[in-house]
Amino acid sequence: MYQHSIVLIAALLLSGCVESAPATRPKRKTTDKIGEFDPNAGNEIVKPEVKITNPITGPLEAYHPLMQQVAALGIEHAVNLFNASEGRYPNSYDEFMARIIKENNIRLPVLSPGLEYQYDVENHKLLVIRAGAAKAP
């Protein structure tokens, strides 16, 4: 009986000495593809609101809207920094892409199929648009 206890204790102590492989995190898909918002196109602007319908899958339901909110906050911060240093907002979509996205190497989380990022130059906001969802007149 005494020998079994010693073997068990030794096995437990030695099990902590084994070096494990470092955990690798799955790589998140990102994009820098942002279109120019056209307010006259009649596209549907998607509000990134968290709507939990099931308490078990709630965190999964919240993931994409929360990632959209974080992306919008990052863009808003970069645009505000640009405004603080330049004394103005980007004049055009091209300046936004060059000075905000490219210079800061900003990568946004990939959206669900059917959604796309667009930048509203007039209001200095990143929007999520439902692609090809023009409203009927």
N, C-alpha and C. Protein backbone atom coordinates (compact mmCIF):
# COMPACT_ATOMS: atom_id res chain seq x y z
N MET A 1 0.82 -1.19 0.00
CA MET A 1 0.00 0.00 0.00
C MET A 1 0.87 1.26 0.00
N TYR A 2 1.91 1.23 0.82
CA TYR A 2 2.82 2.37 0.92
C TYR A 2 3.52 2.64 -0.41
N GLN A 3 3.89 1.57 -1.13
CA GLN A 3 4.57 1.72 -2.42
C GLN A 3 3.64 2.34 -3.46
N HIS A 4 2.38 1.97 -3.41
CA HIS A 4 1.41 2.53 -4.36
C HIS A 4 1.25 4.04 -4.14
N SER A 5 1.25 4.46 -2.90
CA SER A 5 1.13 5.89 -2.59
C SER A 5 2.33 6.67 -3.10
N ILE A 6 3.53 6.11 -2.92
CA ILE A 6 4.75 6.77 -3.39
C ILE A 6 4.74 6.88 -4.91
N VAL A 7 4.35 5.82 -5.57
CA VAL A 7 4.29 5.83 -7.05
C VAL A 7 3.27 6.87 -7.52
N LEU A 8 2.13 6.94 -6.86
CA LEU A 8 1.10 7.91 -7.23
C LEU A 8 1.58 9.34 -7.03
N ILE A 9 2.22 9.61 -5.91
CA ILE A 9 2.74 10.95 -5.64
C ILE A 9 3.83 11.31 -6.65
N ALA A 10 4.72 10.38 -6.94
CA ALA A 10 5.78 10.63 -7.92
C ALA A 10 5.20 10.91 -9.30
N ALA A 11 4.18 10.16 -9.67
CA ALA A 11 3.55 10.38 -10.98
C ALA A 11 2.90 11.76 -11.05
N LEU A 12 2.26 12.19 -9.98
CA LEU A 12 1.64 13.51 -9.95
C LEU A 12 2.68 14.61 -10.02
N LEU A 13 3.79 14.44 -9.30
CA LEU A 13 4.84 15.45 -9.33
C LEU A 13 5.51 15.53 -10.69
N LEU A 14 5.75 14.40 -11.31
CA LEU A 14 6.42 14.38 -12.61
C LEU A 14 5.51 14.86 -13.73
N SER A 15 4.21 14.71 -13.54
CA SER A 15 3.30 15.14 -14.61
C SER A 15 3.35 16.66 -14.80
N GLY A 16 3.69 17.39 -13.78
CA GLY A 16 3.82 18.84 -13.89
C GLY A 16 5.10 19.26 -14.57
N CYS A 17 6.05 18.37 -14.72
CA CYS A 17 7.34 18.68 -15.31
C CYS A 17 7.35 18.56 -16.83
N VAL A 18 6.32 17.99 -17.38
CA VAL A 18 6.26 17.81 -18.82
C VAL A 18 5.98 19.14 -19.48
N GLU A 19 6.79 19.49 -20.46
CA GLU A 19 6.62 20.76 -21.16
C GLU A 19 5.56 20.59 -22.24
N SER A 20 4.58 21.45 -22.20
CA SER A 20 3.51 21.36 -23.19
C SER A 20 3.78 22.33 -24.33
N ALA A 21 3.23 22.02 -25.48
CA ALA A 21 3.39 22.90 -26.64
C ALA A 21 2.61 24.19 -26.39
N PRO A 22 3.13 25.33 -26.85
CA PRO A 22 2.41 26.58 -26.64
C PRO A 22 1.07 26.56 -27.38
N ALA A 23 0.07 27.09 -26.72
CA ALA A 23 -1.27 27.13 -27.32
C ALA A 23 -1.27 28.14 -28.46
N THR A 24 -1.77 27.72 -29.59
CA THR A 24 -1.86 28.63 -30.73
C THR A 24 -3.30 29.08 -30.85
N ARG A 25 -3.46 30.37 -31.03
CA ARG A 25 -4.79 30.93 -31.18
C ARG A 25 -5.17 30.90 -32.65
N PRO A 26 -6.42 30.63 -32.92
CA PRO A 26 -6.84 30.67 -34.31
C PRO A 26 -6.71 32.09 -34.85
N LYS A 27 -6.21 32.20 -36.06
CA LYS A 27 -6.02 33.51 -36.66
C LYS A 27 -7.37 34.07 -37.11
N ARG A 28 -7.66 35.29 -36.67
CA ARG A 28 -8.92 35.94 -37.07
C ARG A 28 -8.77 36.49 -38.47
N LYS A 29 -9.83 36.37 -39.22
CA LYS A 29 -9.82 36.92 -40.57
C LYS A 29 -10.08 38.41 -40.48
N THR A 30 -9.25 39.18 -41.19
CA THR A 30 -9.41 40.63 -41.20
C THR A 30 -9.40 41.14 -42.63
N THR A 31 -9.80 42.40 -42.77
CA THR A 31 -9.85 43.03 -44.08
C THR A 31 -9.56 44.52 -43.95
N ASP A 32 -9.12 45.10 -45.05
CA ASP A 32 -9.01 46.56 -45.10
C ASP A 32 -9.89 47.09 -46.24
N LYS A 33 -10.82 46.25 -46.67
CA LYS A 33 -11.74 46.62 -47.75
C LYS A 33 -12.88 47.45 -47.19
N ILE A 34 -12.89 48.73 -47.56
CA ILE A 34 -13.92 49.65 -47.11
C ILE A 34 -14.39 50.43 -48.34
N GLY A 35 -15.67 50.43 -48.59
CA GLY A 35 -16.21 51.17 -49.71
C GLY A 35 -16.58 52.59 -49.30
N GLU A 36 -16.94 53.39 -50.30
CA GLU A 36 -17.38 54.76 -50.03
C GLU A 36 -18.90 54.78 -49.93
N PHE A 37 -19.41 55.37 -48.86
CA PHE A 37 -20.85 55.43 -48.63
C PHE A 37 -21.49 56.46 -49.53
N ASP A 38 -22.56 56.05 -50.19
CA ASP A 38 -23.35 56.95 -51.02
C ASP A 38 -24.74 57.05 -50.39
N PRO A 39 -25.08 58.18 -49.78
CA PRO A 39 -26.37 58.28 -49.11
C PRO A 39 -27.56 58.19 -50.06
N ASN A 40 -27.33 58.43 -51.35
CA ASN A 40 -28.42 58.38 -52.32
C ASN A 40 -28.63 56.98 -52.90
N ALA A 41 -27.79 56.03 -52.52
CA ALA A 41 -27.92 54.67 -53.06
C ALA A 41 -29.09 53.91 -52.45
N GLY A 42 -29.55 54.37 -51.29
CA GLY A 42 -30.70 53.72 -50.65
C GLY A 42 -30.36 52.40 -49.99
N ASN A 43 -29.09 52.16 -49.69
CA ASN A 43 -28.70 50.92 -49.02
C ASN A 43 -29.10 50.95 -47.56
N GLU A 44 -29.30 49.77 -47.01
CA GLU A 44 -29.70 49.64 -45.61
C GLU A 44 -28.47 49.69 -44.71
N ILE A 45 -28.48 50.60 -43.76
CA ILE A 45 -27.42 50.70 -42.77
C ILE A 45 -27.76 49.74 -41.64
N VAL A 46 -26.80 48.87 -41.32
CA VAL A 46 -27.00 47.86 -40.29
C VAL A 46 -26.45 48.40 -38.98
N LYS A 47 -27.30 48.48 -37.98
CA LYS A 47 -26.88 48.93 -36.65
C LYS A 47 -26.33 47.72 -35.89
N PRO A 48 -25.12 47.83 -35.34
CA PRO A 48 -24.54 46.68 -34.63
C PRO A 48 -25.08 46.54 -33.21
N GLU A 49 -26.34 46.18 -33.11
CA GLU A 49 -26.99 46.02 -31.81
C GLU A 49 -26.93 44.56 -31.39
N VAL A 50 -26.64 44.34 -30.14
CA VAL A 50 -26.59 42.99 -29.60
C VAL A 50 -28.01 42.55 -29.27
N LYS A 51 -28.44 41.49 -29.91
CA LYS A 51 -29.78 40.94 -29.67
C LYS A 51 -29.61 39.48 -29.27
N ILE A 52 -29.78 39.18 -28.01
CA ILE A 52 -29.61 37.82 -27.52
C ILE A 52 -30.98 37.17 -27.42
N THR A 53 -31.15 36.08 -28.18
CA THR A 53 -32.44 35.38 -28.19
C THR A 53 -32.38 34.05 -27.46
N ASN A 54 -31.18 33.58 -27.18
CA ASN A 54 -31.01 32.29 -26.52
C ASN A 54 -29.92 32.43 -25.47
N PRO A 55 -30.19 32.11 -24.22
CA PRO A 55 -29.17 32.29 -23.18
C PRO A 55 -27.94 31.40 -23.36
N ILE A 56 -28.08 30.30 -24.04
CA ILE A 56 -26.94 29.40 -24.24
C ILE A 56 -26.05 29.90 -25.37
N THR A 57 -26.65 30.34 -26.46
CA THR A 57 -25.84 30.80 -27.61
C THR A 57 -25.69 32.32 -27.61
N GLY A 58 -26.10 32.97 -26.54
CA GLY A 58 -26.02 34.43 -26.45
C GLY A 58 -24.65 35.01 -26.74
N PRO A 59 -23.58 34.46 -26.16
CA PRO A 59 -22.26 35.02 -26.47
C PRO A 59 -21.91 34.94 -27.96
N LEU A 60 -22.34 33.90 -28.63
CA LEU A 60 -22.09 33.79 -30.07
C LEU A 60 -22.90 34.81 -30.85
N GLU A 61 -24.12 35.06 -30.40
CA GLU A 61 -24.97 36.05 -31.05
C GLU A 61 -24.41 37.46 -30.86
N ALA A 62 -23.74 37.70 -29.75
CA ALA A 62 -23.20 39.03 -29.45
C ALA A 62 -21.87 39.29 -30.13
N TYR A 63 -21.17 38.26 -30.55
CA TYR A 63 -19.80 38.40 -31.06
C TYR A 63 -19.70 39.36 -32.25
N HIS A 64 -20.45 39.12 -33.32
CA HIS A 64 -20.33 39.94 -34.53
C HIS A 64 -20.74 41.40 -34.31
N PRO A 65 -21.88 41.67 -33.64
CA PRO A 65 -22.20 43.08 -33.39
C PRO A 65 -21.15 43.78 -32.53
N LEU A 66 -20.60 43.09 -31.55
CA LEU A 66 -19.59 43.71 -30.71
C LEU A 66 -18.30 43.97 -31.49
N MET A 67 -17.93 43.07 -32.39
CA MET A 67 -16.74 43.29 -33.21
C MET A 67 -16.96 44.49 -34.14
N GLN A 68 -18.17 44.67 -34.65
CA GLN A 68 -18.48 45.83 -35.49
C GLN A 68 -18.37 47.11 -34.68
N GLN A 69 -18.83 47.09 -33.44
CA GLN A 69 -18.75 48.28 -32.58
C GLN A 69 -17.30 48.62 -32.27
N VAL A 70 -16.48 47.62 -32.01
CA VAL A 70 -15.06 47.85 -31.72
C VAL A 70 -14.36 48.42 -32.95
N ALA A 71 -14.68 47.89 -34.13
CA ALA A 71 -14.08 48.39 -35.36
C ALA A 71 -14.46 49.85 -35.59
N ALA A 72 -15.73 50.18 -35.37
CA ALA A 72 -16.19 51.56 -35.56
C ALA A 72 -15.51 52.50 -34.57
N LEU A 73 -15.32 52.05 -33.33
CA LEU A 73 -14.63 52.88 -32.34
C LEU A 73 -13.17 53.12 -32.72
N GLY A 74 -12.52 52.10 -33.26
CA GLY A 74 -11.13 52.25 -33.69
C GLY A 74 -11.01 53.26 -34.82
N ILE A 75 -11.92 53.20 -35.78
CA ILE A 75 -11.91 54.15 -36.90
C ILE A 75 -12.22 55.55 -36.38
N GLU A 76 -13.21 55.66 -35.50
CA GLU A 76 -13.57 56.97 -34.95
C GLU A 76 -12.37 57.59 -34.22
N HIS A 77 -11.65 56.78 -33.46
CA HIS A 77 -10.48 57.27 -32.74
C HIS A 77 -9.40 57.76 -33.71
N ALA A 78 -9.14 56.97 -34.75
CA ALA A 78 -8.12 57.35 -35.73
C ALA A 78 -8.52 58.63 -36.47
N VAL A 79 -9.79 58.77 -36.81
CA VAL A 79 -10.28 59.98 -37.49
C VAL A 79 -10.17 61.19 -36.56
N ASN A 80 -10.50 61.00 -35.28
CA ASN A 80 -10.38 62.11 -34.32
C ASN A 80 -8.93 62.52 -34.11
N LEU A 81 -8.02 61.56 -34.10
CA LEU A 81 -6.59 61.89 -34.00
C LEU A 81 -6.13 62.67 -35.23
N PHE A 82 -6.61 62.27 -36.40
CA PHE A 82 -6.29 62.99 -37.63
C PHE A 82 -6.80 64.42 -37.54
N ASN A 83 -8.03 64.59 -37.07
CA ASN A 83 -8.63 65.92 -36.91
C ASN A 83 -7.82 66.76 -35.93
N ALA A 84 -7.37 66.16 -34.84
CA ALA A 84 -6.60 66.89 -33.84
C ALA A 84 -5.25 67.34 -34.39
N SER A 85 -4.62 66.50 -35.20
CA SER A 85 -3.29 66.86 -35.71
C SER A 85 -3.35 67.75 -36.95
N GLU A 86 -4.37 67.59 -37.78
CA GLU A 86 -4.47 68.34 -39.03
C GLU A 86 -5.42 69.54 -38.94
N GLY A 87 -6.28 69.55 -37.94
CA GLY A 87 -7.25 70.63 -37.81
C GLY A 87 -8.45 70.48 -38.74
N ARG A 88 -8.62 69.29 -39.28
CA ARG A 88 -9.73 69.01 -40.20
C ARG A 88 -9.92 67.49 -40.29
N TYR A 89 -11.05 67.10 -40.85
CA TYR A 89 -11.30 65.69 -41.11
C TYR A 89 -10.81 65.36 -42.52
N PRO A 90 -10.64 64.09 -42.85
CA PRO A 90 -10.26 63.75 -44.23
C PRO A 90 -11.26 64.35 -45.22
N ASN A 91 -10.72 64.97 -46.29
CA ASN A 91 -11.57 65.65 -47.28
C ASN A 91 -12.31 64.71 -48.21
N SER A 92 -11.78 63.51 -48.38
CA SER A 92 -12.36 62.58 -49.35
C SER A 92 -12.18 61.15 -48.89
N TYR A 93 -12.86 60.27 -49.59
CA TYR A 93 -12.72 58.84 -49.33
C TYR A 93 -11.27 58.40 -49.57
N ASP A 94 -10.66 58.90 -50.65
CA ASP A 94 -9.28 58.52 -50.97
C ASP A 94 -8.31 58.96 -49.88
N GLU A 95 -8.51 60.17 -49.34
CA GLU A 95 -7.64 60.63 -48.26
C GLU A 95 -7.87 59.79 -47.00
N PHE A 96 -9.12 59.42 -46.73
CA PHE A 96 -9.42 58.57 -45.59
C PHE A 96 -8.69 57.23 -45.72
N MET A 97 -8.77 56.63 -46.90
CA MET A 97 -8.11 55.33 -47.10
C MET A 97 -6.59 55.45 -46.96
N ALA A 98 -6.02 56.51 -47.53
CA ALA A 98 -4.56 56.66 -47.49
C ALA A 98 -4.06 57.06 -46.10
N ARG A 99 -4.69 58.05 -45.50
CA ARG A 99 -4.17 58.62 -44.26
C ARG A 99 -4.65 57.90 -42.99
N ILE A 100 -5.82 57.31 -43.05
CA ILE A 100 -6.34 56.64 -41.86
C ILE A 100 -6.07 55.14 -41.93
N ILE A 101 -6.54 54.49 -42.97
CA ILE A 101 -6.46 53.03 -43.05
C ILE A 101 -5.04 52.56 -43.36
N LYS A 102 -4.46 53.05 -44.44
CA LYS A 102 -3.13 52.58 -44.88
C LYS A 102 -2.02 53.02 -43.93
N GLU A 103 -1.98 54.30 -43.55
CA GLU A 103 -0.91 54.79 -42.68
C GLU A 103 -0.94 54.14 -41.31
N ASN A 104 -2.12 53.85 -40.80
CA ASN A 104 -2.25 53.24 -39.48
C ASN A 104 -2.32 51.72 -39.54
N ASN A 105 -2.25 51.17 -40.75
CA ASN A 105 -2.31 49.72 -40.96
C ASN A 105 -3.50 49.10 -40.22
N ILE A 106 -4.66 49.71 -40.42
CA ILE A 106 -5.88 49.25 -39.75
C ILE A 106 -6.47 48.07 -40.51
N ARG A 107 -6.77 47.02 -39.76
CA ARG A 107 -7.43 45.84 -40.30
C ARG A 107 -8.72 45.65 -39.50
N LEU A 108 -9.82 45.45 -40.19
CA LEU A 108 -11.13 45.30 -39.56
C LEU A 108 -11.54 43.83 -39.61
N PRO A 109 -12.35 43.39 -38.64
CA PRO A 109 -12.82 42.01 -38.68
C PRO A 109 -13.72 41.79 -39.90
N VAL A 110 -13.59 40.63 -40.49
CA VAL A 110 -14.42 40.30 -41.66
C VAL A 110 -15.87 40.20 -41.19
N LEU A 111 -16.76 40.79 -41.97
CA LEU A 111 -18.19 40.78 -41.64
C LEU A 111 -18.86 39.51 -42.14
N SER A 112 -20.06 39.30 -41.66
CA SER A 112 -20.88 38.18 -42.13
C SER A 112 -21.17 38.38 -43.61
N PRO A 113 -21.43 37.29 -44.32
CA PRO A 113 -21.75 37.42 -45.75
C PRO A 113 -22.95 38.35 -45.96
N GLY A 114 -22.86 39.18 -46.99
CA GLY A 114 -23.93 40.12 -47.31
C GLY A 114 -23.75 41.49 -46.69
N LEU A 115 -22.75 41.64 -45.81
CA LEU A 115 -22.49 42.93 -45.17
C LEU A 115 -21.15 43.47 -45.66
N GLU A 116 -21.03 44.80 -45.69
CA GLU A 116 -19.75 45.40 -46.07
C GLU A 116 -19.55 46.72 -45.33
N TYR A 117 -18.28 47.07 -45.16
CA TYR A 117 -17.93 48.34 -44.54
C TYR A 117 -17.97 49.45 -45.59
N GLN A 118 -18.47 50.61 -45.18
CA GLN A 118 -18.42 51.80 -46.03
C GLN A 118 -18.13 52.99 -45.13
N TYR A 119 -17.38 53.95 -45.68
CA TYR A 119 -17.03 55.15 -44.91
C TYR A 119 -17.88 56.31 -45.39
N ASP A 120 -18.56 56.96 -44.45
CA ASP A 120 -19.38 58.13 -44.72
C ASP A 120 -18.50 59.36 -44.55
N VAL A 121 -18.06 59.95 -45.68
CA VAL A 121 -17.14 61.08 -45.67
C VAL A 121 -17.76 62.30 -44.99
N GLU A 122 -19.03 62.54 -45.27
CA GLU A 122 -19.71 63.73 -44.74
C GLU A 122 -19.82 63.71 -43.22
N ASN A 123 -20.10 62.53 -42.64
CA ASN A 123 -20.30 62.41 -41.20
C ASN A 123 -19.10 61.80 -40.47
N HIS A 124 -18.06 61.42 -41.22
CA HIS A 124 -16.82 60.89 -40.65
C HIS A 124 -17.07 59.63 -39.83
N LYS A 125 -17.88 58.71 -40.36
CA LYS A 125 -18.24 57.50 -39.64
C LYS A 125 -18.04 56.27 -40.50
N LEU A 126 -17.67 55.18 -39.84
CA LEU A 126 -17.64 53.88 -40.49
C LEU A 126 -19.01 53.25 -40.35
N LEU A 127 -19.58 52.80 -41.45
CA LEU A 127 -20.91 52.19 -41.44
C LEU A 127 -20.82 50.75 -41.91
N VAL A 128 -21.77 49.96 -41.50
CA VAL A 128 -21.93 48.60 -42.04
C VAL A 128 -23.19 48.61 -42.87
N ILE A 129 -23.05 48.20 -44.12
CA ILE A 129 -24.15 48.25 -45.10
C ILE A 129 -24.50 46.83 -45.52
N ARG A 130 -25.79 46.58 -45.65
CA ARG A 130 -26.21 45.31 -46.23
C ARG A 130 -26.04 45.42 -47.73
N ALA A 131 -25.12 44.64 -48.27
CA ALA A 131 -24.75 44.72 -49.69
C ALA A 131 -25.93 44.32 -50.58
N GLY A 132 -26.14 45.15 -51.61
CA GLY A 132 -27.19 44.86 -52.59
C GLY A 132 -28.60 44.94 -52.05
N ALA A 133 -28.79 45.65 -50.96
CA ALA A 133 -30.11 45.73 -50.35
C ALA A 133 -30.71 47.13 -50.55
N ALA A 134 -30.73 47.58 -51.79
CA ALA A 134 -31.32 48.89 -52.07
C ALA A 134 -32.81 48.85 -51.77
N LYS A 135 -33.29 49.87 -51.12
CA LYS A 135 -34.70 49.94 -50.77
C LYS A 135 -35.55 50.24 -51.99
N ALA A 136 -36.71 49.65 -52.00
CA ALA A 136 -37.64 49.91 -53.10
C ALA A 136 -38.19 51.31 -52.98
N PRO A 137 -38.42 52.00 -54.11
CA PRO A 137 -38.94 53.37 -54.05
C PRO A 137 -40.36 53.43 -53.54
